[in-house]
Amino acid sequence: MSLKSESTQSDSQANVTPSSVKKQREPNHGHSHSHHGHHHHIDPSSSRIGWAFLLNVTFTIIEFIGGWLTNSTAIMADAVHDLGDSLSIGTAWLLNRAGNKKATERFTYGFKRLSLLAAMLNGIVLVCGSVWVLIMSVPRLFAPEMPHTEGMFLLALLGVGVNGVAAYKLSAGKSLNERVLNWHLIEDVLGWVAVLIVSVVLMFVNLPILDPLLSIGFTLFILYNVVRNIQTTLTLFLQGVPDETLHDDIKKKLMNIEYVADIHHLHFWSLDGEQHVLTAHLVLNKALEPECLVKIKCEVAECLSEYALAHTTIEFEFPDEACRDD
């Protein structure tokens, strides 16, 4: 199902057979195939994830030291959580870089789905981490502890700054992988904002129960959004339709092409949430000459050009022709 550029009309006519016509083209967004080679450039997604990983690992080390110096179990617990985040981001970085390798004879679509795998793994890690935070926070509602407020305040300022910069860098990303990782960092930012608020309040009021209350609140908020991302990722893993509205729009436009009587085996799925794949059988209302089939191929190409699909395969079927896929 790899894409091929339509070179000349004579070549296209030579490929037309009475049973089917395959139309395959290069997408508009610059995706190159294995037989064309890949441009060597720094992938912005990998660069953003790499920076986020570096910042997160550095601050996790600082956090462990700060938790020990302030004798704060809350900060130490958050350090463990950030360590899990660092491992997740590092894994995502490696898988994202591996996903940019060109296609092989065995992996004909390339390795873009590794990025999707990383998004799923990180989503699961984040859910586990959030559940762990809840397990740590709920008992403190009944036995709150007063931490070292000055140390909490200083670490909170640093935590908001470091995680905020990392989250800002990843906010430019559009892939599911980057979106899930961004929720990791947003969770950390919100957590440190909660620590900052609590540390200031506890400097004036003896009310340590605020710490677990705020932790539970932001953890539930993040958990809700991550579960939604996991559902989307799981749908893509199972090759579900990435966008039902887009699916219906494509089908409608193909049906409006002259001589197309019906469409079946329309499969619309995604490699990684960004690069989509489309295959379809177009049933023609009568037998046509090769010149007319080439014209329809051009109309199909024009129809699909606005969607920037990564891979497309279109097959024509004549009236009363048995479909081999039925």
Protein backbone atom coordinates (compact mmCIF):
# COMPACT_ATOMS: atom_id res chain seq x y z
CA MET A 1 0.00 0.00 0.00
CA SER A 2 2.90 2.34 -0.37
CA LEU A 3 2.36 5.53 -2.30
CA LYS A 4 3.69 6.12 -5.77
CA SER A 5 3.79 9.39 -7.65
CA GLU A 6 1.87 9.53 -10.91
CA SER A 7 4.55 10.42 -13.43
CA THR A 8 3.15 10.68 -16.94
CA GLN A 9 -0.18 9.98 -18.52
CA SER A 10 1.29 7.25 -20.70
CA ASP A 11 2.68 5.50 -17.63
CA SER A 12 -0.70 5.73 -15.92
CA GLN A 13 -2.44 4.26 -18.93
CA ALA A 14 0.02 1.42 -19.02
CA ASN A 15 -0.89 0.50 -15.45
CA VAL A 16 -4.65 0.41 -16.09
CA THR A 17 -6.10 -3.09 -16.21
CA PRO A 18 -9.68 -4.23 -16.90
CA SER A 19 -10.08 -5.45 -13.33
CA SER A 20 -8.60 -2.68 -11.27
CA VAL A 21 -6.69 0.55 -11.19
CA LYS A 22 -4.35 1.33 -8.36
CA LYS A 23 -3.76 4.97 -7.59
CA GLN A 24 -0.95 5.83 -5.21
CA ARG A 25 0.58 9.24 -4.70
CA GLU A 26 2.97 11.22 -2.58
CA PRO A 27 1.35 13.22 0.25
CA ASN A 28 1.68 16.98 0.31
CA HIS A 29 3.39 17.21 3.68
CA GLY A 30 6.77 15.97 2.53
CA HIS A 31 6.65 12.33 3.66
CA SER A 32 9.25 10.33 1.72
CA HIS A 33 9.18 6.59 1.08
CA SER A 34 11.94 4.04 1.32
CA HIS A 35 12.59 4.01 -2.40
CA HIS A 36 12.91 7.78 -2.47
CA GLY A 37 14.98 8.11 0.70
CA HIS A 38 14.47 10.45 3.63
CA HIS A 39 15.72 13.95 4.14
CA HIS A 40 18.24 14.15 6.94
CA HIS A 41 17.11 16.75 9.40
CA ILE A 42 16.53 17.14 13.12
CA ASP A 43 13.01 16.07 14.00
CA PRO A 44 11.43 18.91 16.02
CA SER A 45 9.33 16.43 18.00
CA SER A 46 12.42 14.51 19.17
CA SER A 47 14.17 17.79 19.99
CA ARG A 48 11.25 18.99 22.15
CA ILE A 49 10.99 15.66 23.99
CA GLY A 50 14.77 15.62 24.47
CA TRP A 51 14.74 19.03 26.14
CA ALA A 52 11.82 18.02 28.35
CA PHE A 53 13.72 14.87 29.37
CA LEU A 54 16.88 16.79 30.26
CA LEU A 55 15.00 19.35 32.35
CA ASN A 56 12.94 16.70 34.12
CA VAL A 57 15.90 14.46 35.02
CA THR A 58 17.93 17.40 36.34
CA PHE A 59 15.08 18.65 38.50
CA THR A 60 14.26 15.14 39.79
CA ILE A 61 17.78 14.92 41.24
CA ILE A 62 17.35 18.35 42.85
CA GLU A 63 13.98 17.24 44.18
CA PHE A 64 15.36 14.17 45.96
CA ILE A 65 18.04 16.30 47.61
CA GLY A 66 15.49 18.97 48.54
CA GLY A 67 13.06 16.41 49.95
CA TRP A 68 15.80 14.99 52.15
CA LEU A 69 16.95 18.43 53.35
CA THR A 70 13.42 19.66 54.14
CA ASN A 71 12.36 16.31 55.65
CA SER A 72 9.24 16.55 53.53
CA THR A 73 7.57 13.29 52.57
CA ALA A 74 5.32 15.16 50.15
CA ILE A 75 8.29 16.48 48.17
CA MET A 76 10.04 13.09 48.33
CA ALA A 77 6.88 11.43 47.02
CA ASP A 78 6.73 13.96 44.19
CA ALA A 79 10.39 13.25 43.44
CA VAL A 80 9.57 9.56 42.99
CA HIS A 81 6.69 10.56 40.75
CA ASP A 82 8.99 12.82 38.71
CA LEU A 83 11.48 9.96 38.42
CA GLY A 84 8.73 7.90 36.80
CA ASP A 85 7.99 10.85 34.50
CA SER A 86 11.67 11.07 33.54
CA LEU A 87 11.77 7.38 32.65
CA SER A 88 8.60 7.76 30.61
CA ILE A 89 9.87 10.83 28.75
CA GLY A 90 13.22 9.14 28.10
CA THR A 91 11.44 6.07 26.69
CA ALA A 92 9.21 8.29 24.57
CA TRP A 93 12.27 10.14 23.26
CA LEU A 94 14.00 6.93 22.17
CA LEU A 95 10.84 5.49 20.59
CA ASN A 96 10.09 8.78 18.84
CA ARG A 97 13.58 8.83 17.30
CA ALA A 98 13.26 5.18 16.28
CA GLY A 99 9.91 6.01 14.69
CA ASN A 100 11.67 8.25 12.14
CA LYS A 101 13.62 5.37 10.62
CA LYS A 102 12.72 4.70 7.02
CA ALA A 103 10.57 1.75 6.01
CA THR A 104 12.05 -1.71 5.48
CA GLU A 105 10.96 -4.80 3.59
CA ARG A 106 9.54 -6.19 6.83
CA PHE A 107 8.05 -2.97 8.23
CA THR A 108 6.68 -1.53 5.01
CA TYR A 109 4.86 1.36 6.70
CA GLY A 110 7.96 2.37 8.64
CA PHE A 111 8.11 2.79 12.41
CA LYS A 112 5.73 5.68 13.06
CA ARG A 113 3.55 3.50 15.30
CA LEU A 114 6.39 3.34 17.84
CA SER A 115 5.46 6.91 18.74
CA LEU A 116 1.90 5.69 19.33
CA LEU A 117 3.24 2.86 21.50
CA ALA A 118 5.18 5.39 23.56
CA ALA A 119 2.02 7.46 24.04
CA MET A 120 0.19 4.38 25.32
CA LEU A 121 3.00 3.37 27.70
CA ASN A 122 3.32 6.88 29.08
CA GLY A 123 -0.42 7.17 29.55
CA ILE A 124 -0.42 3.95 31.57
CA VAL A 125 2.56 5.11 33.65
CA LEU A 126 0.82 8.41 34.35
CA VAL A 127 -2.38 6.66 35.42
CA CYS A 128 -0.38 4.43 37.77
CA GLY A 129 1.49 7.44 39.11
CA SER A 130 -1.73 9.35 39.71
CA VAL A 131 -3.27 6.41 41.54
CA TRP A 132 -0.13 6.18 43.66
CA VAL A 133 -0.38 9.89 44.52
CA LEU A 134 -4.01 9.37 45.57
CA ILE A 135 -3.01 6.41 47.75
CA MET A 136 -0.41 8.61 49.43
CA SER A 137 -2.69 11.65 49.77
CA VAL A 138 -5.95 10.17 51.06
CA PRO A 139 -4.52 8.85 54.38
CA ARG A 140 -3.08 12.31 55.06
CA LEU A 141 -6.61 13.67 55.16
CA PHE A 142 -6.97 11.83 58.48
CA ALA A 143 -3.41 12.35 59.74
CA PRO A 144 -2.03 15.58 58.22
CA GLU A 145 1.64 16.41 58.80
CA MET A 146 3.25 19.84 58.97
CA PRO A 147 6.17 20.08 56.50
CA HIS A 148 9.13 22.50 56.43
CA THR A 149 7.27 25.39 54.81
CA GLU A 150 10.25 27.57 53.81
CA GLY A 151 11.95 24.69 52.01
CA MET A 152 8.66 23.78 50.34
CA PHE A 153 8.27 27.35 49.11
CA LEU A 154 11.72 27.53 47.49
CA LEU A 155 11.43 24.11 45.85
CA ALA A 156 7.93 24.97 44.64
CA LEU A 157 9.18 28.10 42.88
CA LEU A 158 11.91 26.08 41.19
CA GLY A 159 9.46 23.27 40.34
CA VAL A 160 6.97 25.60 38.70
CA GLY A 161 9.74 27.22 36.65
CA VAL A 162 11.48 24.06 35.44
CA ASN A 163 8.35 22.04 34.67
CA GLY A 164 6.68 25.09 33.17
CA VAL A 165 9.53 25.58 30.69
CA ALA A 166 9.45 21.88 29.77
CA ALA A 167 5.67 21.93 29.31
CA TYR A 168 5.91 25.05 27.17
CA LYS A 169 8.44 23.36 24.89
CA LEU A 170 6.18 20.34 24.39
CA SER A 171 3.03 22.45 23.93
CA ALA A 172 4.13 23.14 20.33
CA GLY A 173 3.91 19.42 19.53
CA LYS A 174 0.83 17.94 17.86
CA SER A 175 1.52 14.20 18.15
CA LEU A 176 -0.29 12.03 20.69
CA ASN A 177 3.07 11.17 22.17
CA GLU A 178 3.84 14.82 22.90
CA ARG A 179 0.29 15.48 24.14
CA VAL A 180 0.49 12.67 26.70
CA LEU A 181 3.96 13.77 27.79
CA ASN A 182 2.69 17.32 28.10
CA TRP A 183 0.09 16.11 30.56
CA HIS A 184 2.94 14.58 32.59
CA LEU A 185 4.53 18.01 32.85
CA ILE A 186 1.27 19.91 33.38
CA GLU A 187 0.55 17.56 36.25
CA ASP A 188 3.93 18.45 37.74
CA VAL A 189 3.34 22.20 37.24
CA LEU A 190 -0.06 22.01 38.93
CA GLY A 191 1.43 19.92 41.70
CA TRP A 192 4.11 22.49 42.40
CA VAL A 193 1.58 25.31 42.25
CA ALA A 194 -0.37 23.42 44.90
CA VAL A 195 2.79 23.03 46.98
CA LEU A 196 3.56 26.75 46.52
CA ILE A 197 0.08 27.80 47.68
CA VAL A 198 0.10 25.41 50.61
CA SER A 199 3.58 26.49 51.71
CA VAL A 200 2.53 30.15 51.76
CA VAL A 201 -0.71 29.44 53.63
CA LEU A 202 1.03 27.17 56.15
CA MET A 203 3.48 29.95 56.94
CA PHE A 204 0.55 31.81 58.53
CA VAL A 205 -2.06 29.15 59.31
CA ASN A 206 -1.66 25.77 61.00
CA LEU A 207 -3.78 23.85 58.48
CA PRO A 208 -1.67 20.99 57.01
CA ILE A 209 -4.73 19.22 55.59
CA LEU A 210 -4.60 21.65 52.63
CA ASP A 211 -1.65 19.72 51.19
CA PRO A 212 -3.50 16.40 50.57
CA LEU A 213 -6.68 18.20 49.51
CA LEU A 214 -4.93 20.09 46.72
CA SER A 215 -2.93 17.03 45.69
CA ILE A 216 -6.10 14.96 45.32
CA GLY A 217 -7.83 17.75 43.36
CA PHE A 218 -5.20 18.25 40.67
CA THR A 219 -4.46 14.51 40.43
CA LEU A 220 -8.10 13.74 39.65
CA PHE A 221 -8.13 16.49 37.02
CA ILE A 222 -5.02 15.15 35.28
CA LEU A 223 -6.26 11.56 35.57
CA TYR A 224 -9.46 12.46 33.74
CA ASN A 225 -7.61 14.02 30.79
CA VAL A 226 -5.01 11.26 30.53
CA VAL A 227 -7.70 8.57 30.45
CA ARG A 228 -9.28 10.41 27.52
CA ASN A 229 -5.94 10.43 25.70
CA ILE A 230 -5.47 6.72 26.40
CA GLN A 231 -8.91 6.01 24.90
CA THR A 232 -7.91 7.90 21.74
CA THR A 233 -4.58 6.08 21.54
CA LEU A 234 -6.23 2.70 22.06
CA THR A 235 -8.67 3.46 19.23
CA LEU A 236 -5.75 4.18 16.91
CA PHE A 237 -3.96 1.03 18.05
CA LEU A 238 -7.01 -1.00 17.09
CA GLN A 239 -7.02 0.78 13.70
CA GLY A 240 -10.24 2.60 14.43
CA VAL A 241 -11.29 5.61 12.37
CA PRO A 242 -9.22 8.58 13.64
CA ASP A 243 -11.87 11.14 12.65
CA GLU A 244 -15.43 10.03 11.83
CA THR A 245 -16.36 13.39 10.31
CA LEU A 246 -13.33 13.26 8.01
CA HIS A 247 -14.16 9.66 7.09
CA ASP A 248 -17.71 10.61 6.06
CA ASP A 249 -16.49 13.67 4.16
CA ILE A 250 -14.00 11.61 2.13
CA LYS A 251 -16.64 9.00 1.31
CA LYS A 252 -19.11 11.67 0.22
CA LYS A 253 -16.58 13.33 -2.10
CA LEU A 254 -15.56 10.03 -3.68
CA MET A 255 -19.23 9.16 -4.28
CA ASN A 256 -19.69 12.46 -6.13
CA ILE A 257 -17.13 11.49 -8.77
CA GLU A 258 -18.67 10.71 -12.16
CA TYR A 259 -19.19 6.99 -12.92
CA VAL A 260 -18.77 5.97 -9.26
CA ALA A 261 -21.86 3.99 -8.29
CA ASP A 262 -20.81 2.60 -4.92
CA ILE A 263 -17.92 2.36 -2.46
CA HIS A 264 -17.01 -0.57 -0.27
CA HIS A 265 -14.04 -1.76 1.75
CA LEU A 266 -13.36 1.85 2.69
CA HIS A 267 -10.71 1.62 5.40
CA PHE A 268 -9.53 4.80 7.08
CA TRP A 269 -6.99 4.46 9.89
CA SER A 270 -3.90 6.17 11.25
CA LEU A 271 -0.24 5.27 11.69
CA ASP A 272 0.40 7.60 14.64
CA GLY A 273 -2.57 9.94 15.03
CA GLU A 274 -1.20 12.36 12.42
CA GLN A 275 -0.44 10.32 9.30
CA HIS A 276 -3.58 8.64 7.99
CA VAL A 277 -4.07 5.72 5.61
CA LEU A 278 -6.98 5.23 3.20
CA THR A 279 -7.91 2.24 1.05
CA ALA A 280 -11.15 1.84 -0.90
CA HIS A 281 -12.87 -0.05 -3.71
CA LEU A 282 -14.80 2.21 -6.09
CA VAL A 283 -17.55 0.40 -8.00
CA LEU A 284 -18.10 1.97 -11.44
CA ASN A 285 -21.53 2.04 -13.05
CA LYS A 286 -20.23 0.76 -16.39
CA ALA A 287 -17.15 -0.56 -18.17
CA LEU A 288 -14.87 2.27 -19.25
CA GLU A 289 -11.97 2.75 -21.64
CA PRO A 290 -8.45 3.21 -20.19
CA GLU A 291 -8.45 6.92 -21.10
CA CYS A 292 -11.58 7.47 -19.02
CA LEU A 293 -10.16 5.48 -16.11
CA VAL A 294 -7.08 7.70 -16.10
CA LYS A 295 -9.36 10.73 -15.95
CA ILE A 296 -11.18 9.28 -12.94
CA LYS A 297 -7.82 8.58 -11.29
CA CYS A 298 -6.95 12.25 -11.65
CA GLU A 299 -10.31 13.25 -10.13
CA VAL A 300 -9.71 10.91 -7.19
CA ALA A 301 -6.23 12.40 -6.69
CA GLU A 302 -7.68 15.91 -6.75
CA CYS A 303 -10.45 14.90 -4.36
CA LEU A 304 -8.02 13.45 -1.80
CA SER A 305 -5.25 16.05 -2.16
CA GLU A 306 -6.69 18.39 0.49
CA TYR A 307 -6.49 15.69 3.18
CA ALA A 308 -2.69 15.13 2.96
CA LEU A 309 -3.07 11.39 3.48
CA ALA A 310 0.17 9.49 4.10
CA HIS A 311 -0.84 6.40 2.10
CA THR A 312 -3.74 5.74 -0.27
CA THR A 313 -4.80 2.76 -2.37
CA ILE A 314 -7.85 3.02 -4.64
CA GLU A 315 -9.15 0.11 -6.68
CA PHE A 316 -11.78 0.26 -9.43
CA GLU A 317 -14.37 -2.48 -9.92
CA PHE A 318 -16.65 -2.82 -12.94
CA PRO A 319 -20.39 -3.72 -12.76
CA ASP A 320 -21.05 -7.40 -11.90
CA GLU A 321 -17.36 -7.94 -11.12
CA ALA A 322 -16.84 -10.15 -8.07
CA CYS A 323 -14.84 -8.43 -5.34
CA ARG A 324 -11.98 -10.68 -4.27
CA ASP A 325 -12.10 -9.27 -0.71
CA ASP A 326 -15.71 -10.26 -0.06
